[in-house]
Amino acid sequence: MLGAVAAGRAVLPAMLERGSGTLLFSSGISAVHPPALLGNIGIAAAGLRNYALSLAETLAGRGVHVGPIAAAP
């Protein structure tokens, strides 16, 4: 989660200045469908997904696109 925030902060200023760019945040399917076995990682994955969705909403209309990718095994 903190790595994703740091990476976003590192590249967002240039993307916003340019008016274009894409940030994709990858996590596991437990971000959307958390099985009990993966509850510990599911919390972090869900946080990353929600961060990406919030950032996408905040940057809407500014040329920078943000999306979460919840990869299934």
Protein backbone atom coordinates (compact mmCIF):
# COMPACT_ATOMS: atom_id res chain seq x y z
CA MET A 1 0.00 0.00 0.00
CA LEU A 2 2.67 2.52 0.97
CA GLY A 3 4.79 1.58 -2.04
CA ALA A 4 1.87 2.30 -4.35
CA VAL A 5 1.27 5.69 -2.72
CA ALA A 6 4.97 6.56 -2.98
CA ALA A 7 5.11 5.51 -6.63
CA GLY A 8 2.02 7.55 -7.43
CA ARG A 9 3.45 10.62 -5.73
CA ALA A 10 6.66 10.20 -7.70
CA VAL A 11 5.03 10.15 -11.14
CA LEU A 12 1.77 12.11 -10.74
CA PRO A 13 3.20 15.64 -10.90
CA ALA A 14 4.70 15.05 -14.37
CA MET A 15 1.57 13.27 -15.59
CA LEU A 16 -0.66 16.12 -14.41
CA GLU A 17 1.62 18.71 -15.96
CA ARG A 18 1.54 16.79 -19.25
CA GLY A 19 -2.19 16.14 -18.96
CA SER A 20 -1.86 12.44 -19.73
CA GLY A 21 -0.81 9.19 -18.15
CA THR A 22 -2.05 5.97 -16.63
CA LEU A 23 -1.48 4.38 -13.24
CA LEU A 24 -2.40 0.72 -12.83
CA PHE A 25 -2.30 -0.85 -9.38
CA SER A 26 -2.12 -4.63 -9.32
CA SER A 27 -3.25 -6.86 -6.47
CA GLY A 28 -4.86 -10.24 -5.98
CA ILE A 29 -8.47 -11.25 -6.29
CA SER A 30 -8.73 -11.12 -2.50
CA ALA A 31 -9.18 -7.36 -2.94
CA VAL A 32 -12.66 -8.10 -4.27
CA HIS A 33 -13.49 -11.61 -2.96
CA PRO A 34 -11.55 -12.21 0.27
CA PRO A 35 -11.44 -15.88 1.29
CA ALA A 36 -10.81 -16.53 4.98
CA LEU A 37 -7.45 -18.14 4.16
CA LEU A 38 -6.20 -14.87 2.64
CA GLY A 39 -7.80 -12.45 5.09
CA ASN A 40 -4.51 -10.83 6.06
CA ILE A 41 -3.47 -9.95 2.50
CA GLY A 42 -7.08 -9.21 1.53
CA ILE A 43 -7.13 -6.22 3.86
CA ALA A 44 -4.10 -4.67 2.16
CA ALA A 45 -5.36 -5.58 -1.32
CA ALA A 46 -8.75 -3.99 -0.62
CA GLY A 47 -7.02 -0.87 0.70
CA LEU A 48 -4.96 -0.62 -2.48
CA ARG A 49 -8.07 -1.11 -4.63
CA ASN A 50 -9.96 1.60 -2.73
CA TYR A 51 -6.97 3.95 -3.00
CA ALA A 52 -6.87 3.43 -6.77
CA LEU A 53 -10.62 4.01 -7.12
CA SER A 54 -10.47 7.17 -5.00
CA LEU A 55 -7.49 8.48 -6.93
CA ALA A 56 -9.29 7.78 -10.21
CA GLU A 57 -12.28 9.81 -9.03
CA THR A 58 -10.07 12.65 -7.84
CA LEU A 59 -8.18 12.83 -11.15
CA ALA A 60 -11.20 12.39 -13.43
CA GLY A 61 -11.15 14.90 -16.26
CA ARG A 62 -7.49 15.77 -15.83
CA GLY A 63 -6.09 13.36 -18.43
CA VAL A 64 -4.60 10.90 -15.93
CA HIS A 65 -6.32 7.55 -15.71
CA VAL A 66 -6.06 5.27 -12.67
CA GLY A 67 -7.27 1.71 -12.32
CA PRO A 68 -6.97 -1.29 -10.02
CA ILE A 69 -6.28 -4.73 -11.44
CA ALA A 70 -7.33 -7.64 -9.24
CA ALA A 71 -5.60 -10.64 -10.79
CA ALA A 72 -7.15 -14.07 -10.28
CA PRO A 73 -4.90 -17.09 -9.80
